[in-house]
Amino acid sequence: MNNPSFILILILFASYIIGSFPTSIIMGRITRGIDIRDHGSGNAGGTNVFRVLGWKPALVVVVIDVFKGWLPTAYLAIMFYEATPLPDLGLFQILCGFCAVLGHTFTVFAGFKGGKGVGTLAGMLIAMFPLAVPLCILVFAITLILTGYVSVGSIIAGASLPIFLLILPIIGIEPAELSLLIFSLLIPFFIVYTHRSNISRLRNGEENRFDKAMIFKK
């Protein structure tokens, strides 16, 4: 147990298991006795839970999914950092957080078919640079209001993250760690990958749209 490399692998595995907790699938079983992946868009995420089960179950799912990203990043990484061979706490937080995201997206408890990872990514970001979260949510909300598409909002919000991390220090905000800044450049590609089916439906004009969110729609 005193082997730093073993402890590193163990904590990353624990982070993956935490992220793998299939929140939306369990919620579907509890509330309706269904597999949420067989309904709506087929995605095991908060948006599909909202469509199929309603806003209350969706809120519970989103909160837990965000927590799944926050816990390994803010707690496990800080608690076990000194026992690992890594030279940088920020790097360890990113590794723990992203393992949780991978667990959410490819959950071992449901045939490696999970959600898109956006909520869990948000939880990871809350632990490392919380100021960026409301800004990304604002971008998401504006995009959703203008387009009605959650997927488009998620992609554009993810793409806005590295921009915010670069701009905020200019106005006097303490800059993000270099490891987080570099990681933020990869997030848009990950979100595009997890939303590839949505992108295909958008191109075919088949993507589900929240018309009620489009408050400026004529």
Protein backbone atom coordinates (compact mmCIF):
# COMPACT_ATOMS: atom_id res chain seq x y z
CA MET A 1 0.00 0.00 0.00
CA ASN A 2 3.03 2.28 0.29
CA ASN A 3 3.78 1.98 -3.42
CA PRO A 4 3.09 5.44 -4.93
CA SER A 5 2.31 4.06 -8.39
CA PHE A 6 -0.14 1.53 -6.95
CA ILE A 7 -1.87 4.25 -4.93
CA LEU A 8 -2.12 6.41 -8.07
CA ILE A 9 -3.74 3.60 -10.04
CA LEU A 10 -6.05 2.75 -7.14
CA ILE A 11 -7.31 6.33 -6.76
CA LEU A 12 -7.84 6.72 -10.50
CA PHE A 13 -9.79 3.46 -10.54
CA ALA A 14 -11.85 4.63 -7.55
CA SER A 15 -12.58 7.87 -9.43
CA TYR A 16 -13.75 5.87 -12.43
CA ILE A 17 -16.05 3.74 -10.23
CA ILE A 18 -17.53 6.87 -8.62
CA GLY A 19 -18.20 8.32 -12.06
CA SER A 20 -19.70 5.03 -13.22
CA PHE A 21 -22.62 5.25 -10.78
CA PRO A 22 -25.51 5.02 -13.30
CA THR A 23 -27.69 7.77 -11.85
CA SER A 24 -30.18 8.17 -14.69
CA ILE A 25 -30.54 4.43 -15.25
CA ILE A 26 -31.30 3.86 -11.57
CA MET A 27 -33.74 6.80 -11.61
CA GLY A 28 -35.56 5.26 -14.57
CA ARG A 29 -35.83 1.93 -12.77
CA ILE A 30 -37.06 3.51 -9.53
CA THR A 31 -39.63 5.90 -10.97
CA ARG A 32 -41.00 4.02 -13.99
CA GLY A 33 -39.40 0.58 -14.01
CA ILE A 34 -37.74 1.36 -17.36
CA ASP A 35 -34.28 1.55 -18.85
CA ILE A 36 -33.96 5.23 -19.73
CA ARG A 37 -31.74 4.28 -22.67
CA ASP A 38 -34.73 2.63 -24.35
CA HIS A 39 -36.73 5.87 -24.34
CA GLY A 40 -36.46 9.41 -25.65
CA SER A 41 -33.07 10.07 -27.20
CA GLY A 42 -31.65 6.86 -25.75
CA ASN A 43 -29.05 8.75 -23.74
CA ALA A 44 -28.42 8.02 -20.06
CA GLY A 45 -28.20 11.66 -19.05
CA GLY A 46 -30.11 14.43 -17.33
CA THR A 47 -31.62 15.87 -20.51
CA ASN A 48 -33.23 12.59 -21.50
CA VAL A 49 -34.43 12.04 -17.94
CA PHE A 50 -36.12 15.45 -18.16
CA ARG A 51 -37.84 14.48 -21.40
CA VAL A 52 -38.99 11.06 -20.21
CA LEU A 53 -39.43 11.36 -16.43
CA GLY A 54 -39.87 15.07 -15.73
CA TRP A 55 -37.90 17.87 -14.11
CA LYS A 56 -37.76 16.55 -10.54
CA PRO A 57 -36.02 13.25 -11.38
CA ALA A 58 -33.84 15.16 -13.85
CA LEU A 59 -32.74 17.61 -11.14
CA VAL A 60 -31.72 14.74 -8.85
CA VAL A 61 -29.79 13.11 -11.68
CA VAL A 62 -27.96 16.31 -12.63
CA VAL A 63 -26.99 17.10 -9.02
CA ILE A 64 -25.59 13.60 -8.46
CA ASP A 65 -23.80 13.57 -11.82
CA VAL A 66 -22.13 16.89 -10.98
CA PHE A 67 -21.19 15.53 -7.55
CA LYS A 68 -19.58 12.51 -9.23
CA GLY A 69 -17.13 14.85 -10.95
CA TRP A 70 -16.57 17.05 -7.92
CA LEU A 71 -15.83 14.35 -5.34
CA PRO A 72 -12.73 12.74 -6.91
CA THR A 73 -11.35 16.13 -7.98
CA ALA A 74 -11.90 18.06 -4.76
CA TYR A 75 -11.56 15.27 -2.22
CA LEU A 76 -9.72 12.13 -3.39
CA ALA A 77 -7.04 14.02 -5.33
CA ILE A 78 -6.22 16.36 -2.46
CA MET A 79 -6.32 13.62 0.17
CA PHE A 80 -3.99 11.21 -1.65
CA TYR A 81 -1.83 13.55 -3.73
CA GLU A 82 1.24 13.36 -1.51
CA ALA A 83 1.18 9.56 -1.66
CA THR A 84 1.44 9.53 -5.46
CA PRO A 85 4.49 10.06 -7.70
CA LEU A 86 2.89 13.00 -9.52
CA PRO A 87 4.69 16.35 -9.22
CA ASP A 88 1.59 18.55 -9.59
CA LEU A 89 -1.70 18.51 -7.64
CA GLY A 90 -3.57 20.13 -10.51
CA LEU A 91 -2.56 17.31 -12.83
CA PHE A 92 -3.73 14.71 -10.31
CA GLN A 93 -7.06 16.52 -9.94
CA ILE A 94 -7.52 16.50 -13.70
CA LEU A 95 -6.72 12.79 -13.91
CA CYS A 96 -9.15 11.95 -11.09
CA GLY A 97 -11.86 14.18 -12.48
CA PHE A 98 -11.53 12.91 -16.02
CA CYS A 99 -11.56 9.28 -14.84
CA ALA A 100 -14.91 10.10 -13.23
CA VAL A 101 -16.09 11.61 -16.51
CA LEU A 102 -15.02 8.47 -18.38
CA GLY A 103 -16.86 6.40 -15.79
CA HIS A 104 -20.03 8.40 -16.40
CA THR A 105 -19.69 8.15 -20.17
CA PHE A 106 -18.60 4.50 -20.24
CA THR A 107 -20.13 3.11 -17.06
CA VAL A 108 -18.99 -0.38 -16.12
CA PHE A 109 -22.36 -0.99 -14.44
CA ALA A 110 -24.40 -0.61 -17.64
CA GLY A 111 -22.47 -2.16 -20.50
CA PHE A 112 -20.19 0.88 -20.86
CA LYS A 113 -23.09 2.89 -22.26
CA GLY A 114 -23.63 6.03 -20.19
CA GLY A 115 -24.22 9.74 -20.58
CA LYS A 116 -22.46 12.55 -22.40
CA GLY A 117 -20.29 13.59 -19.46
CA VAL A 118 -21.16 17.31 -19.42
CA GLY A 119 -22.55 17.38 -15.88
CA THR A 120 -19.63 15.39 -14.49
CA LEU A 121 -17.20 17.67 -16.30
CA ALA A 122 -18.96 20.61 -14.66
CA GLY A 123 -18.45 19.03 -11.25
CA MET A 124 -14.77 18.63 -11.99
CA LEU A 125 -14.56 22.27 -13.05
CA ILE A 126 -16.38 23.44 -9.92
CA ALA A 127 -13.61 21.83 -7.88
CA MET A 128 -10.80 23.42 -9.89
CA PHE A 129 -12.02 26.77 -11.24
CA PRO A 130 -15.58 27.45 -10.05
CA LEU A 131 -15.84 30.94 -11.57
CA ALA A 132 -15.85 29.48 -15.08
CA VAL A 133 -18.92 27.34 -14.39
CA PRO A 134 -21.60 30.10 -14.27
CA LEU A 135 -20.04 31.67 -17.37
CA CYS A 136 -20.26 28.40 -19.28
CA ILE A 137 -23.82 27.92 -18.02
CA LEU A 138 -24.66 31.39 -19.31
CA VAL A 139 -23.29 30.48 -22.74
CA PHE A 140 -25.28 27.25 -22.65
CA ALA A 141 -28.48 29.05 -21.65
CA ILE A 142 -28.15 31.70 -24.36
CA THR A 143 -27.47 29.05 -27.01
CA LEU A 144 -30.42 26.96 -25.82
CA ILE A 145 -32.74 29.99 -25.92
CA LEU A 146 -31.60 30.90 -29.44
CA THR A 147 -31.51 27.40 -30.95
CA GLY A 148 -33.58 25.15 -28.70
CA TYR A 149 -30.90 22.46 -28.88
CA VAL A 150 -29.30 21.19 -25.66
CA SER A 151 -26.57 19.46 -27.65
CA VAL A 152 -25.55 22.67 -29.42
CA GLY A 153 -25.56 24.51 -26.09
CA SER A 154 -23.33 21.87 -24.52
CA ILE A 155 -20.84 21.95 -27.41
CA ILE A 156 -20.59 25.73 -27.52
CA ALA A 157 -20.35 25.98 -23.72
CA GLY A 158 -17.50 23.48 -23.76
CA ALA A 159 -15.75 25.43 -26.50
CA SER A 160 -16.11 28.63 -24.48
CA LEU A 161 -14.25 27.23 -21.45
CA PRO A 162 -10.66 27.72 -22.68
CA ILE A 163 -11.62 31.19 -23.90
CA PHE A 164 -12.85 32.17 -20.42
CA LEU A 165 -9.74 30.71 -18.80
CA LEU A 166 -7.60 32.87 -21.08
CA ILE A 167 -9.67 36.05 -20.74
CA LEU A 168 -10.41 36.11 -17.00
CA PRO A 169 -6.79 36.82 -15.90
CA ILE A 170 -6.83 39.91 -18.12
CA ILE A 171 -9.53 41.43 -15.90
CA GLY A 172 -7.68 40.61 -12.69
CA ILE A 173 -8.94 37.09 -11.91
CA GLU A 174 -6.30 34.67 -10.67
CA PRO A 175 -5.30 32.51 -13.65
CA ALA A 176 -6.07 28.83 -13.85
CA GLU A 177 -3.25 26.35 -13.47
CA LEU A 178 -1.42 25.52 -16.68
CA SER A 179 -2.53 21.88 -16.46
CA LEU A 180 -6.19 22.94 -16.39
CA LEU A 181 -5.71 25.40 -19.23
CA ILE A 182 -4.16 22.70 -21.41
CA PHE A 183 -6.89 20.24 -20.45
CA SER A 184 -9.59 22.80 -21.27
CA LEU A 185 -8.36 22.85 -24.87
CA LEU A 186 -9.21 19.15 -25.14
CA ILE A 187 -12.69 19.40 -23.60
CA PRO A 188 -14.44 20.68 -26.78
CA PHE A 189 -13.14 17.67 -28.71
CA PHE A 190 -14.38 15.29 -26.02
CA ILE A 191 -17.82 16.91 -25.95
CA VAL A 192 -18.06 16.79 -29.73
CA TYR A 193 -17.13 13.09 -29.58
CA THR A 194 -19.77 12.25 -26.97
CA HIS A 195 -22.34 14.27 -28.94
CA ARG A 196 -21.49 12.74 -32.32
CA SER A 197 -24.92 11.08 -32.57
CA ASN A 198 -26.56 14.44 -31.81
CA ILE A 199 -24.47 16.09 -34.50
CA SER A 200 -25.58 13.43 -36.98
CA ARG A 201 -29.24 14.06 -36.06
CA LEU A 202 -28.70 17.81 -36.37
CA ARG A 203 -27.37 17.36 -39.88
CA ASN A 204 -30.37 15.21 -40.76
CA GLY A 205 -32.85 17.58 -39.11
CA GLU A 206 -33.87 14.90 -36.62
CA GLU A 207 -32.49 16.31 -33.35
CA ASN A 208 -35.02 16.86 -30.56
CA ARG A 209 -35.52 20.52 -29.77
CA PHE A 210 -36.84 22.25 -26.64
CA ASP A 211 -39.20 24.70 -28.29
CA LYS A 212 -40.36 26.00 -24.89
CA ALA A 213 -36.83 27.20 -24.18
CA MET A 214 -36.88 29.44 -27.25
CA ILE A 215 -38.48 32.44 -25.59
CA PHE A 216 -37.83 34.67 -28.60
CA LYS A 217 -39.42 32.24 -31.06
CA LYS A 218 -42.19 33.82 -33.08
